[in-house]
Amino acid sequence: MTTADVRSDDARGIAGVKNVDMKVEVVVIPVSDVDRAKEFYGSLGWRLDADFLFDNGFRVVQFTPPGSGCSVQFGKNITSAAPGSAQGLYLVVSDIQAARDGLVARGVEVSEVFHAGTPGAQFQPDGTSGRVSAPAPDHTSYGSFATFSDPDGNGWLLQEVTTRLPGRIDAAERAFASTADLASALRRAEAAHGEHEKRTGERDADWPDWYAEYMVAEQAGTELPT
């Protein structure tokens, strides 16, 4: 079965059944020391949304990464999973090097930026074969990674995504999650437009329209203008 088959099957739905939006908003991660985990995730610059403690010992702490529509929760009596067993937790970024540099500046131990020399190498432990030290050639979207872990060993995976695959973004709801994402998109559009003007050999007075077309197509995963 191909990815195209999957998207096609999902889109068909069932006659007479109303599709209801189901948005992943929270992922639970298992930790052994709630206060230590709270200090770590706060040090990343993530927003603390809640820290509720109940008389029966139940405690839930929630953080949200910058620009994310999904949060993480941890606490006491919240999961039976072994601390550190959450692995391959994706953090999608528009600039992998800037994201890594920001984490390092906050004192986080992060792997070097790499791309997978063999399929799935991004999910293998740091230092194993298959990882090629360097961003993906030409910074191919979805191809560059970096990894880090929290104090319990829960593993996070930074992935650089610039041009989305078709179907990931609703064409009617295109938006940027943060000013940083918008700024990165503008820089990519500027670079692409510069190549466009080199090809045409003339200045493009309608560059705002070209920028807009490029940025919309990049987000939606449709054909980019040239």
N, C-alpha and C. Protein backbone atom coordinates (compact mmCIF):
# COMPACT_ATOMS: atom_id res chain seq x y z
N MET A 1 0.85 -1.20 0.00
CA MET A 1 0.00 0.00 0.00
C MET A 1 0.88 1.24 0.00
N THR A 2 0.60 2.21 -0.83
CA THR A 2 1.38 3.44 -0.90
C THR A 2 0.77 4.50 -0.03
N THR A 3 1.54 5.58 0.22
CA THR A 3 1.00 6.68 1.00
C THR A 3 -0.15 7.34 0.28
N ALA A 4 -0.11 7.33 -1.05
CA ALA A 4 -1.22 7.90 -1.83
C ALA A 4 -2.48 7.08 -1.60
N ASP A 5 -2.33 5.73 -1.53
CA ASP A 5 -3.48 4.88 -1.26
C ASP A 5 -4.09 5.21 0.10
N VAL A 6 -3.23 5.42 1.10
CA VAL A 6 -3.72 5.71 2.44
C VAL A 6 -4.50 7.00 2.45
N ARG A 7 -3.96 8.04 1.84
CA ARG A 7 -4.66 9.32 1.83
C ARG A 7 -5.99 9.19 1.11
N SER A 8 -6.01 8.45 0.01
CA SER A 8 -7.24 8.29 -0.75
C SER A 8 -8.29 7.55 0.05
N ASP A 9 -7.88 6.47 0.75
CA ASP A 9 -8.83 5.71 1.56
C ASP A 9 -9.40 6.57 2.68
N ASP A 10 -8.52 7.35 3.34
CA ASP A 10 -8.97 8.17 4.45
C ASP A 10 -9.96 9.23 3.99
N ALA A 11 -9.77 9.74 2.78
CA ALA A 11 -10.59 10.84 2.31
C ALA A 11 -12.01 10.40 1.96
N ARG A 12 -12.19 9.09 1.66
CA ARG A 12 -13.50 8.65 1.20
C ARG A 12 -14.55 8.68 2.29
N GLY A 13 -14.17 8.32 3.52
CA GLY A 13 -15.13 8.31 4.61
C GLY A 13 -16.19 7.24 4.41
N ILE A 14 -17.26 7.32 5.22
CA ILE A 14 -18.35 6.37 5.14
C ILE A 14 -19.64 7.14 4.90
N ALA A 15 -20.41 6.69 3.93
CA ALA A 15 -21.64 7.37 3.57
C ALA A 15 -22.57 7.46 4.79
N GLY A 16 -23.10 8.65 5.03
CA GLY A 16 -24.04 8.85 6.12
C GLY A 16 -23.41 9.08 7.48
N VAL A 17 -22.08 9.00 7.56
CA VAL A 17 -21.39 9.21 8.82
C VAL A 17 -20.65 10.54 8.77
N LYS A 18 -20.94 11.39 9.73
CA LYS A 18 -20.31 12.70 9.78
C LYS A 18 -18.90 12.61 10.34
N ASN A 19 -17.94 13.19 9.63
CA ASN A 19 -16.57 13.25 10.14
C ASN A 19 -16.46 14.34 11.20
N VAL A 20 -15.92 14.00 12.33
CA VAL A 20 -15.72 14.95 13.43
C VAL A 20 -14.23 15.19 13.58
N ASP A 21 -13.82 16.46 13.68
CA ASP A 21 -12.41 16.76 13.87
C ASP A 21 -11.87 16.06 15.10
N MET A 22 -10.72 15.44 14.96
CA MET A 22 -10.03 14.82 16.09
C MET A 22 -8.60 15.35 16.11
N LYS A 23 -8.35 16.27 17.00
CA LYS A 23 -7.06 16.95 17.04
C LYS A 23 -6.21 16.42 18.18
N VAL A 24 -5.03 15.94 17.84
CA VAL A 24 -4.10 15.51 18.88
C VAL A 24 -3.62 16.76 19.61
N GLU A 25 -3.96 16.88 20.89
CA GLU A 25 -3.62 18.08 21.64
C GLU A 25 -2.67 17.82 22.80
N VAL A 26 -2.61 16.58 23.27
CA VAL A 26 -1.74 16.28 24.41
C VAL A 26 -1.09 14.91 24.23
N VAL A 27 0.20 14.81 24.52
CA VAL A 27 0.92 13.55 24.56
C VAL A 27 1.46 13.38 25.97
N VAL A 28 1.22 12.22 26.57
CA VAL A 28 1.67 11.94 27.93
C VAL A 28 3.05 11.29 27.88
N ILE A 29 3.98 11.80 28.67
CA ILE A 29 5.31 11.21 28.74
C ILE A 29 5.58 10.75 30.18
N PRO A 30 6.20 9.57 30.34
CA PRO A 30 6.43 9.02 31.67
C PRO A 30 7.74 9.53 32.29
N VAL A 31 7.66 10.04 33.50
CA VAL A 31 8.85 10.54 34.19
C VAL A 31 8.89 9.97 35.60
N SER A 32 10.08 9.94 36.18
CA SER A 32 10.25 9.40 37.53
C SER A 32 10.24 10.48 38.60
N ASP A 33 10.62 11.70 38.21
CA ASP A 33 10.70 12.82 39.15
C ASP A 33 10.00 14.01 38.51
N VAL A 34 8.81 14.32 38.99
CA VAL A 34 7.98 15.35 38.36
C VAL A 34 8.65 16.72 38.43
N ASP A 35 9.19 17.07 39.59
CA ASP A 35 9.80 18.39 39.73
C ASP A 35 11.03 18.54 38.85
N ARG A 36 11.81 17.47 38.73
CA ARG A 36 12.99 17.51 37.85
C ARG A 36 12.56 17.68 36.40
N ALA A 37 11.53 16.96 35.99
CA ALA A 37 11.02 17.09 34.62
C ALA A 37 10.46 18.48 34.38
N LYS A 38 9.77 19.02 35.38
CA LYS A 38 9.20 20.37 35.24
C LYS A 38 10.31 21.39 35.05
N GLU A 39 11.39 21.25 35.81
CA GLU A 39 12.52 22.18 35.66
C GLU A 39 13.15 22.05 34.27
N PHE A 40 13.29 20.81 33.79
CA PHE A 40 13.92 20.60 32.48
C PHE A 40 13.08 21.23 31.37
N TYR A 41 11.79 20.90 31.31
CA TYR A 41 10.97 21.40 30.21
C TYR A 41 10.75 22.91 30.30
N GLY A 42 10.77 23.43 31.52
CA GLY A 42 10.72 24.88 31.65
C GLY A 42 11.98 25.53 31.11
N SER A 43 13.14 24.84 31.28
CA SER A 43 14.41 25.39 30.80
C SER A 43 14.48 25.44 29.28
N LEU A 44 13.62 24.67 28.60
CA LEU A 44 13.60 24.68 27.13
C LEU A 44 12.91 25.91 26.58
N GLY A 45 12.25 26.67 27.46
CA GLY A 45 11.49 27.83 27.00
C GLY A 45 10.06 27.48 26.63
N TRP A 46 9.64 26.26 27.02
CA TRP A 46 8.26 25.86 26.73
C TRP A 46 7.32 26.50 27.74
N ARG A 47 6.09 26.75 27.31
CA ARG A 47 5.10 27.41 28.16
C ARG A 47 4.51 26.44 29.17
N LEU A 48 4.54 26.82 30.44
CA LEU A 48 3.90 26.03 31.49
C LEU A 48 2.40 26.37 31.50
N ASP A 49 1.57 25.39 31.16
CA ASP A 49 0.13 25.62 31.10
C ASP A 49 -0.57 25.28 32.41
N ALA A 50 -0.08 24.27 33.11
CA ALA A 50 -0.78 23.82 34.31
C ALA A 50 0.14 22.99 35.19
N ASP A 51 -0.13 23.04 36.48
CA ASP A 51 0.49 22.15 37.45
C ASP A 51 -0.54 21.94 38.55
N PHE A 52 -1.33 20.88 38.43
CA PHE A 52 -2.41 20.61 39.36
C PHE A 52 -2.07 19.42 40.25
N LEU A 53 -2.21 19.61 41.55
CA LEU A 53 -1.96 18.56 42.52
C LEU A 53 -3.25 18.31 43.31
N PHE A 54 -3.65 17.03 43.40
CA PHE A 54 -4.89 16.67 44.07
C PHE A 54 -4.62 15.91 45.36
N ASP A 55 -5.61 15.88 46.25
CA ASP A 55 -5.44 15.28 47.58
C ASP A 55 -5.08 13.80 47.53
N ASN A 56 -5.50 13.11 46.47
CA ASN A 56 -5.23 11.67 46.38
C ASN A 56 -3.86 11.36 45.79
N GLY A 57 -3.04 12.40 45.59
CA GLY A 57 -1.68 12.19 45.07
C GLY A 57 -1.55 12.38 43.57
N PHE A 58 -2.67 12.46 42.87
CA PHE A 58 -2.62 12.68 41.42
C PHE A 58 -2.09 14.09 41.14
N ARG A 59 -1.16 14.16 40.18
CA ARG A 59 -0.60 15.45 39.77
C ARG A 59 -0.40 15.46 38.27
N VAL A 60 -0.76 16.56 37.65
CA VAL A 60 -0.57 16.68 36.20
C VAL A 60 0.09 18.02 35.90
N VAL A 61 1.17 17.95 35.13
CA VAL A 61 1.90 19.13 34.68
C VAL A 61 1.83 19.16 33.16
N GLN A 62 1.55 20.32 32.60
CA GLN A 62 1.45 20.43 31.14
C GLN A 62 2.33 21.57 30.63
N PHE A 63 3.09 21.26 29.56
CA PHE A 63 3.91 22.25 28.86
C PHE A 63 3.54 22.23 27.38
N THR A 64 3.72 23.38 26.72
CA THR A 64 3.50 23.47 25.28
C THR A 64 4.74 24.06 24.61
N PRO A 65 5.33 23.37 23.62
CA PRO A 65 6.47 23.94 22.89
C PRO A 65 6.05 25.18 22.11
N PRO A 66 6.97 26.10 21.84
CA PRO A 66 6.64 27.31 21.09
C PRO A 66 6.03 27.00 19.72
N GLY A 67 4.89 27.60 19.45
CA GLY A 67 4.24 27.43 18.14
C GLY A 67 3.52 26.13 17.96
N SER A 68 3.45 25.28 18.99
CA SER A 68 2.85 23.95 18.84
C SER A 68 1.37 23.97 19.18
N GLY A 69 0.60 23.17 18.44
CA GLY A 69 -0.80 22.96 18.75
C GLY A 69 -1.00 21.77 19.66
N CYS A 70 0.09 21.08 19.99
CA CYS A 70 0.03 19.90 20.86
C CYS A 70 0.92 20.13 22.07
N SER A 71 0.44 19.71 23.23
CA SER A 71 1.17 19.88 24.48
C SER A 71 1.65 18.53 24.99
N VAL A 72 2.48 18.56 26.03
CA VAL A 72 2.92 17.34 26.70
C VAL A 72 2.49 17.41 28.16
N GLN A 73 2.13 16.25 28.71
CA GLN A 73 1.77 16.16 30.12
C GLN A 73 2.60 15.08 30.79
N PHE A 74 2.89 15.29 32.06
CA PHE A 74 3.52 14.28 32.89
C PHE A 74 3.08 14.56 34.32
N GLY A 75 3.35 13.63 35.20
CA GLY A 75 2.95 13.84 36.59
C GLY A 75 2.99 12.56 37.39
N LYS A 76 2.11 12.48 38.39
CA LYS A 76 2.01 11.30 39.24
C LYS A 76 0.66 10.63 39.02
N ASN A 77 0.69 9.30 38.95
CA ASN A 77 -0.52 8.50 38.72
C ASN A 77 -1.20 8.87 37.41
N ILE A 78 -0.37 9.22 36.41
CA ILE A 78 -0.91 9.65 35.12
C ILE A 78 -0.68 8.61 34.03
N THR A 79 0.32 7.74 34.22
CA THR A 79 0.60 6.69 33.23
C THR A 79 1.34 5.54 33.90
N SER A 80 1.12 4.35 33.39
CA SER A 80 1.83 3.16 33.90
C SER A 80 3.08 2.86 33.10
N ALA A 81 3.34 3.65 32.06
CA ALA A 81 4.52 3.42 31.22
C ALA A 81 5.80 3.67 32.02
N ALA A 82 6.85 2.96 31.67
CA ALA A 82 8.13 3.11 32.37
C ALA A 82 8.76 4.46 32.05
N PRO A 83 9.28 5.17 33.05
CA PRO A 83 9.95 6.45 32.79
C PRO A 83 11.04 6.29 31.75
N GLY A 84 11.06 7.19 30.79
CA GLY A 84 12.06 7.15 29.73
C GLY A 84 11.68 6.30 28.53
N SER A 85 10.49 5.69 28.56
CA SER A 85 10.12 4.78 27.47
C SER A 85 9.51 5.50 26.26
N ALA A 86 9.22 6.78 26.38
CA ALA A 86 8.70 7.54 25.24
C ALA A 86 9.87 7.90 24.32
N GLN A 87 9.81 7.46 23.08
CA GLN A 87 10.91 7.68 22.14
C GLN A 87 10.37 8.19 20.81
N GLY A 88 11.22 8.90 20.05
CA GLY A 88 10.83 9.37 18.73
C GLY A 88 9.73 10.40 18.76
N LEU A 89 9.73 11.26 19.79
CA LEU A 89 8.73 12.32 19.89
C LEU A 89 9.15 13.47 18.97
N TYR A 90 8.33 13.75 17.98
CA TYR A 90 8.70 14.72 16.94
C TYR A 90 8.53 16.16 17.40
N LEU A 91 9.52 16.97 17.09
CA LEU A 91 9.43 18.42 17.18
C LEU A 91 9.79 18.97 15.81
N VAL A 92 8.79 19.39 15.04
CA VAL A 92 9.02 19.86 13.68
C VAL A 92 9.43 21.33 13.71
N VAL A 93 10.51 21.65 13.02
CA VAL A 93 11.05 23.01 12.99
C VAL A 93 11.28 23.43 11.54
N SER A 94 11.31 24.73 11.34
CA SER A 94 11.55 25.24 9.98
C SER A 94 13.02 25.51 9.72
N ASP A 95 13.84 25.56 10.78
CA ASP A 95 15.28 25.80 10.65
C ASP A 95 15.98 24.91 11.68
N ILE A 96 16.51 23.78 11.24
CA ILE A 96 17.07 22.79 12.15
C ILE A 96 18.29 23.32 12.90
N GLN A 97 19.14 24.07 12.23
CA GLN A 97 20.35 24.56 12.89
C GLN A 97 20.01 25.60 13.95
N ALA A 98 19.08 26.50 13.62
CA ALA A 98 18.68 27.52 14.59
C ALA A 98 18.01 26.87 15.80
N ALA A 99 17.19 25.84 15.55
CA ALA A 99 16.52 25.15 16.65
C ALA A 99 17.55 24.47 17.55
N ARG A 100 18.53 23.80 16.94
CA ARG A 100 19.57 23.13 17.73
C ARG A 100 20.38 24.15 18.52
N ASP A 101 20.77 25.23 17.87
CA ASP A 101 21.58 26.25 18.54
C ASP A 101 20.82 26.83 19.74
N GLY A 102 19.51 27.00 19.58
CA GLY A 102 18.71 27.54 20.67
C GLY A 102 18.68 26.61 21.87
N LEU A 103 18.57 25.31 21.62
CA LEU A 103 18.57 24.34 22.71
C LEU A 103 19.93 24.27 23.40
N VAL A 104 20.99 24.28 22.60
CA VAL A 104 22.34 24.24 23.16
C VAL A 104 22.58 25.46 24.05
N ALA A 105 22.10 26.63 23.60
CA ALA A 105 22.26 27.86 24.39
C ALA A 105 21.55 27.76 25.73
N ARG A 106 20.54 26.89 25.80
CA ARG A 106 19.80 26.70 27.06
C ARG A 106 20.40 25.57 27.90
N GLY A 107 21.53 25.04 27.46
CA GLY A 107 22.21 24.03 28.24
C GLY A 107 21.79 22.61 27.97
N VAL A 108 21.06 22.38 26.87
CA VAL A 108 20.59 21.04 26.53
C VAL A 108 21.64 20.32 25.70
N GLU A 109 21.86 19.04 25.99
CA GLU A 109 22.78 18.23 25.21
C GLU A 109 22.05 17.70 23.98
N VAL A 110 22.42 18.19 22.80
CA VAL A 110 21.74 17.86 21.55
C VAL A 110 22.75 17.24 20.58
N SER A 111 22.30 16.25 19.82
CA SER A 111 23.18 15.67 18.81
C SER A 111 23.50 16.70 17.74
N GLU A 112 24.52 16.42 16.96
CA GLU A 112 24.78 17.24 15.79
C GLU A 112 23.63 17.04 14.79
N VAL A 113 23.44 18.02 13.93
CA VAL A 113 22.44 17.88 12.86
C VAL A 113 22.92 16.76 11.93
N PHE A 114 22.01 15.88 11.54
CA PHE A 114 22.35 14.76 10.68
C PHE A 114 21.21 14.45 9.73
N HIS A 115 21.50 13.62 8.74
CA HIS A 115 20.44 13.05 7.91
C HIS A 115 20.64 11.54 7.88
N ALA A 116 19.60 10.84 7.51
CA ALA A 116 19.62 9.38 7.55
C ALA A 116 20.29 8.82 6.30
N GLY A 117 21.42 8.16 6.51
CA GLY A 117 22.08 7.50 5.39
C GLY A 117 21.39 6.20 5.03
N THR A 118 20.72 5.61 6.02
CA THR A 118 19.91 4.42 5.79
C THR A 118 18.52 4.69 6.37
N PRO A 119 17.48 4.15 5.75
CA PRO A 119 16.12 4.44 6.22
C PRO A 119 15.93 4.10 7.70
N GLY A 120 15.36 5.06 8.44
CA GLY A 120 15.07 4.83 9.84
C GLY A 120 16.21 5.13 10.79
N ALA A 121 17.35 5.60 10.27
CA ALA A 121 18.50 5.85 11.13
C ALA A 121 18.21 6.93 12.17
N GLN A 122 17.26 7.82 11.87
CA GLN A 122 16.94 8.88 12.83
C GLN A 122 16.34 8.34 14.12
N PHE A 123 15.83 7.11 14.09
CA PHE A 123 15.22 6.52 15.28
C PHE A 123 16.20 5.64 16.07
N GLN A 124 17.40 5.49 15.56
CA GLN A 124 18.40 4.68 16.24
C GLN A 124 19.18 5.55 17.24
N PRO A 125 19.80 4.94 18.24
CA PRO A 125 20.54 5.72 19.24
C PRO A 125 21.65 6.55 18.61
N ASP A 126 21.93 7.67 19.24
CA ASP A 126 22.98 8.56 18.76
C ASP A 126 24.31 7.81 18.71
N GLY A 127 25.03 8.00 17.61
CA GLY A 127 26.33 7.36 17.47
C GLY A 127 26.30 6.05 16.71
N THR A 128 25.09 5.54 16.42
CA THR A 128 25.02 4.29 15.66
C THR A 128 25.18 4.57 14.17
N SER A 129 25.47 3.50 13.42
CA SER A 129 25.68 3.66 11.99
C SER A 129 24.37 4.04 11.31
N GLY A 130 24.51 4.66 10.17
CA GLY A 130 23.33 5.05 9.41
C GLY A 130 23.05 6.52 9.45
N ARG A 131 23.57 7.20 10.48
CA ARG A 131 23.42 8.65 10.56
C ARG A 131 24.60 9.33 9.86
N VAL A 132 24.30 10.28 8.99
CA VAL A 132 25.34 11.02 8.28
C VAL A 132 25.39 12.43 8.87
N SER A 133 26.52 12.81 9.42
CA SER A 133 26.66 14.10 10.08
C SER A 133 26.63 15.24 9.07
N ALA A 134 25.55 15.97 9.03
CA ALA A 134 25.33 17.11 8.13
C ALA A 134 23.84 17.15 7.82
N PRO A 135 23.32 18.34 7.51
CA PRO A 135 21.93 18.40 7.07
C PRO A 135 21.73 17.62 5.78
N ALA A 136 20.49 17.31 5.47
CA ALA A 136 20.20 16.63 4.21
C ALA A 136 20.67 17.49 3.04
N PRO A 137 21.14 16.87 1.96
CA PRO A 137 21.57 17.65 0.78
C PRO A 137 20.49 18.64 0.36
N ASP A 138 20.92 19.90 0.16
CA ASP A 138 20.01 20.98 -0.22
C ASP A 138 18.91 21.20 0.82
N HIS A 139 19.16 20.74 2.05
CA HIS A 139 18.16 20.89 3.12
C HIS A 139 16.80 20.36 2.68
N THR A 140 16.81 19.20 2.04
CA THR A 140 15.56 18.58 1.59
C THR A 140 14.57 18.50 2.75
N SER A 141 13.36 18.96 2.51
CA SER A 141 12.33 18.94 3.54
C SER A 141 12.12 17.53 4.09
N TYR A 142 11.96 17.41 5.39
CA TYR A 142 11.77 16.16 6.12
C TYR A 142 13.07 15.37 6.29
N GLY A 143 14.20 15.89 5.81
CA GLY A 143 15.41 15.08 5.76
C GLY A 143 16.46 15.35 6.80
N SER A 144 16.38 16.47 7.55
CA SER A 144 17.42 16.82 8.52
C SER A 144 16.90 16.65 9.94
N PHE A 145 17.77 16.12 10.82
CA PHE A 145 17.34 15.77 12.17
C PHE A 145 18.39 16.17 13.21
N ALA A 146 17.93 16.22 14.45
CA ALA A 146 18.80 16.28 15.62
C ALA A 146 18.00 15.67 16.78
N THR A 147 18.70 15.12 17.75
CA THR A 147 18.00 14.44 18.84
C THR A 147 18.48 14.93 20.20
N PHE A 148 17.61 14.84 21.19
CA PHE A 148 17.99 15.09 22.58
C PHE A 148 17.03 14.32 23.48
N SER A 149 17.37 14.22 24.75
CA SER A 149 16.55 13.47 25.70
C SER A 149 16.34 14.29 26.96
N ASP A 150 15.24 13.98 27.66
CA ASP A 150 15.01 14.62 28.96
C ASP A 150 15.75 13.82 30.03
N PRO A 151 15.74 14.25 31.28
CA PRO A 151 16.53 13.56 32.32
C PRO A 151 16.18 12.09 32.51
N ASP A 152 14.97 11.68 32.12
CA ASP A 152 14.59 10.27 32.26
C ASP A 152 14.98 9.44 31.04
N GLY A 153 15.38 10.12 29.95
CA GLY A 153 15.72 9.40 28.73
C GLY A 153 14.63 9.38 27.69
N ASN A 154 13.51 10.07 27.94
CA ASN A 154 12.50 10.21 26.89
C ASN A 154 13.13 10.94 25.71
N GLY A 155 13.00 10.38 24.51
CA GLY A 155 13.75 10.87 23.36
C GLY A 155 12.97 11.77 22.43
N TRP A 156 13.53 12.93 22.14
CA TRP A 156 12.92 13.91 21.24
C TRP A 156 13.69 13.98 19.93
N LEU A 157 12.95 14.15 18.85
CA LEU A 157 13.53 14.18 17.50
C LEU A 157 13.15 15.48 16.81
N LEU A 158 14.15 16.33 16.60
CA LEU A 158 13.94 17.54 15.80
C LEU A 158 13.95 17.14 14.33
N GLN A 159 12.97 17.61 13.57
CA GLN A 159 12.94 17.36 12.12
C GLN A 159 12.66 18.66 11.39
N GLU A 160 13.47 18.96 10.39
CA GLU A 160 13.29 20.18 9.61
C GLU A 160 12.29 19.93 8.49
N VAL A 161 11.20 20.69 8.51
CA VAL A 161 10.18 20.61 7.46
C VAL A 161 9.96 22.01 6.91
N THR A 162 10.19 22.15 5.63
CA THR A 162 9.95 23.44 4.97
C THR A 162 8.80 23.33 3.98
N THR A 163 8.91 22.40 3.04
CA THR A 163 7.83 22.16 2.09
C THR A 163 7.04 20.94 2.51
N ARG A 164 5.75 21.12 2.75
CA ARG A 164 4.91 20.03 3.23
C ARG A 164 4.53 19.08 2.10
N LEU A 165 4.32 17.80 2.45
CA LEU A 165 3.77 16.85 1.51
C LEU A 165 2.30 17.19 1.26
N PRO A 166 1.78 16.91 0.08
CA PRO A 166 0.38 17.21 -0.22
C PRO A 166 -0.56 16.53 0.78
N GLY A 167 -1.59 17.26 1.16
CA GLY A 167 -2.62 16.69 2.03
C GLY A 167 -2.41 16.94 3.50
N ARG A 168 -1.23 17.41 3.91
CA ARG A 168 -0.96 17.63 5.32
C ARG A 168 -1.63 18.90 5.82
N ILE A 169 -1.73 19.91 4.98
CA ILE A 169 -2.30 21.19 5.37
C ILE A 169 -3.62 21.40 4.65
N ASP A 170 -4.66 21.75 5.38
CA ASP A 170 -5.96 22.06 4.80
C ASP A 170 -5.84 23.35 4.00
N ALA A 171 -6.18 23.29 2.72
CA ALA A 171 -6.01 24.45 1.85
C ALA A 171 -6.80 25.64 2.33
N ALA A 172 -7.87 25.41 3.08
CA ALA A 172 -8.72 26.50 3.55
C ALA A 172 -8.23 27.08 4.88
N GLU A 173 -7.23 26.46 5.49
CA GLU A 173 -6.79 26.89 6.82
C GLU A 173 -5.28 27.03 6.89
N ARG A 174 -4.70 27.70 5.93
CA ARG A 174 -3.26 27.88 5.94
C ARG A 174 -2.89 29.01 6.90
N ALA A 175 -1.95 28.74 7.77
CA ALA A 175 -1.52 29.74 8.74
C ALA A 175 -0.13 29.37 9.24
N PHE A 176 0.56 30.34 9.82
CA PHE A 176 1.88 30.09 10.40
C PHE A 176 1.75 30.07 11.90
N ALA A 177 2.43 29.12 12.53
CA ALA A 177 2.28 28.91 13.97
C ALA A 177 2.95 30.00 14.79
N SER A 178 3.93 30.69 14.22
CA SER A 178 4.65 31.70 14.99
C SER A 178 5.30 32.70 14.03
N THR A 179 5.73 33.83 14.60
CA THR A 179 6.43 34.82 13.79
C THR A 179 7.75 34.26 13.26
N ALA A 180 8.38 33.36 14.04
CA ALA A 180 9.64 32.75 13.59
C ALA A 180 9.41 31.89 12.36
N ASP A 181 8.33 31.12 12.34
CA ASP A 181 8.02 30.30 11.18
C ASP A 181 7.73 31.17 9.97
N LEU A 182 6.99 32.26 10.18
CA LEU A 182 6.68 33.18 9.08
C LEU A 182 7.95 33.81 8.54
N ALA A 183 8.84 34.22 9.43
CA ALA A 183 10.10 34.83 9.00
C ALA A 183 10.94 33.84 8.19
N SER A 184 10.99 32.58 8.63
CA SER A 184 11.74 31.56 7.89
C SER A 184 11.14 31.35 6.51
N ALA A 185 9.81 31.34 6.43
CA ALA A 185 9.14 31.16 5.15
C ALA A 185 9.44 32.34 4.22
N LEU A 186 9.48 33.53 4.75
CA LEU A 186 9.81 34.71 3.94
C LEU A 186 11.24 34.64 3.41
N ARG A 187 12.16 34.15 4.25
CA ARG A 187 13.55 34.03 3.79
C ARG A 187 13.67 33.00 2.67
N ARG A 188 12.94 31.88 2.80
CA ARG A 188 13.00 30.87 1.74
C ARG A 188 12.38 31.42 0.45
N ALA A 189 11.29 32.17 0.59
CA ALA A 189 10.65 32.76 -0.59
C ALA A 189 11.58 33.78 -1.24
N GLU A 190 12.29 34.55 -0.41
CA GLU A 190 13.24 35.53 -0.95
C GLU A 190 14.34 34.85 -1.76
N ALA A 191 14.88 33.77 -1.21
CA ALA A 191 15.95 33.05 -1.91
C ALA A 191 15.44 32.46 -3.22
N ALA A 192 14.25 31.86 -3.18
CA ALA A 192 13.67 31.27 -4.40
C ALA A 192 13.35 32.35 -5.43
N HIS A 193 12.89 33.50 -4.95
CA HIS A 193 12.56 34.59 -5.88
C HIS A 193 13.81 35.15 -6.53
N GLY A 194 14.91 35.15 -5.77
CA GLY A 194 16.17 35.60 -6.35
C GLY A 194 16.58 34.71 -7.52
N GLU A 195 16.39 33.40 -7.37
CA GLU A 195 16.69 32.47 -8.47
C GLU A 195 15.72 32.70 -9.64
N HIS A 196 14.48 33.02 -9.31
CA HIS A 196 13.48 33.31 -10.34
C HIS A 196 13.91 34.52 -11.18
N GLU A 197 14.39 35.58 -10.51
CA GLU A 197 14.81 36.78 -11.25
C GLU A 197 16.07 36.51 -12.07
N LYS A 198 16.95 35.61 -11.57
CA LYS A 198 18.14 35.25 -12.36
C LYS A 198 17.71 34.55 -13.65
N ARG A 199 16.71 33.68 -13.53
CA ARG A 199 16.25 32.94 -14.72
C ARG A 199 15.58 33.86 -15.74
N THR A 200 14.79 34.82 -15.23
CA THR A 200 14.07 35.72 -16.15
C THR A 200 14.96 36.85 -16.65
N GLY A 201 16.03 37.17 -15.89
CA GLY A 201 16.93 38.23 -16.29
C GLY A 201 16.37 39.62 -16.10
N GLU A 202 15.35 39.75 -15.28
CA GLU A 202 14.76 41.07 -15.05
C GLU A 202 14.16 41.14 -13.64
N ARG A 203 14.00 42.37 -13.16
CA ARG A 203 13.42 42.57 -11.84
C ARG A 203 11.92 42.30 -11.90
N ASP A 204 11.42 41.60 -10.90
CA ASP A 204 9.99 41.27 -10.83
C ASP A 204 9.29 42.28 -9.95
N ALA A 205 8.55 43.19 -10.55
CA ALA A 205 7.85 44.23 -9.79
C ALA A 205 6.70 43.65 -8.97
N ASP A 206 6.22 42.47 -9.37
CA ASP A 206 5.10 41.85 -8.65
C ASP A 206 5.60 40.82 -7.63
N TRP A 207 6.76 41.08 -7.04
CA TRP A 207 7.36 40.12 -6.10
C TRP A 207 6.45 39.79 -4.92
N PRO A 208 5.63 40.73 -4.40
CA PRO A 208 4.76 40.32 -3.28
C PRO A 208 3.81 39.18 -3.67
N ASP A 209 3.25 39.25 -4.89
CA ASP A 209 2.37 38.18 -5.35
C ASP A 209 3.13 36.87 -5.49
N TRP A 210 4.38 36.96 -6.00
CA TRP A 210 5.20 35.75 -6.18
C TRP A 210 5.52 35.14 -4.82
N TYR A 211 5.91 35.99 -3.86
CA TYR A 211 6.18 35.51 -2.51
C TYR A 211 4.97 34.78 -1.95
N ALA A 212 3.81 35.41 -2.07
CA ALA A 212 2.59 34.84 -1.50
C ALA A 212 2.28 33.49 -2.14
N GLU A 213 2.41 33.41 -3.46
CA GLU A 213 2.14 32.16 -4.16
C GLU A 213 3.11 31.07 -3.70
N TYR A 214 4.38 31.44 -3.55
CA TYR A 214 5.39 30.48 -3.15
C TYR A 214 5.12 29.96 -1.74
N MET A 215 4.82 30.86 -0.82
CA MET A 215 4.63 30.48 0.58
C MET A 215 3.39 29.63 0.77
N VAL A 216 2.34 29.94 0.04
CA VAL A 216 1.11 29.14 0.12
C VAL A 216 1.35 27.75 -0.44
N ALA A 217 2.02 27.67 -1.60
CA ALA A 217 2.29 26.38 -2.22
C ALA A 217 3.22 25.53 -1.35
N GLU A 218 4.21 26.17 -0.74
CA GLU A 218 5.14 25.44 0.12
C GLU A 218 4.42 24.81 1.30
N GLN A 219 3.53 25.57 1.91
CA GLN A 219 2.80 25.05 3.07
C GLN A 219 1.83 23.94 2.68
N ALA A 220 1.19 24.11 1.54
CA ALA A 220 0.17 23.14 1.13
C ALA A 220 0.76 21.91 0.46
N GLY A 221 2.04 21.97 0.09
CA GLY A 221 2.67 20.83 -0.56
C GLY A 221 2.32 20.71 -2.03
N THR A 222 1.94 21.84 -2.65
CA THR A 222 1.64 21.83 -4.08
C THR A 222 2.86 22.32 -4.85
N GLU A 223 2.76 22.35 -6.17
CA GLU A 223 3.91 22.70 -7.01
C GLU A 223 4.35 24.13 -6.75
N LEU A 224 5.65 24.31 -6.54
CA LEU A 224 6.19 25.64 -6.26
C LEU A 224 6.37 26.42 -7.56
N PRO A 225 6.16 27.75 -7.49
CA PRO A 225 6.39 28.57 -8.70
C PRO A 225 7.88 28.66 -8.99
N THR A 226 8.21 28.84 -10.25
CA THR A 226 9.60 28.98 -10.64
C THR A 226 9.82 30.31 -11.35
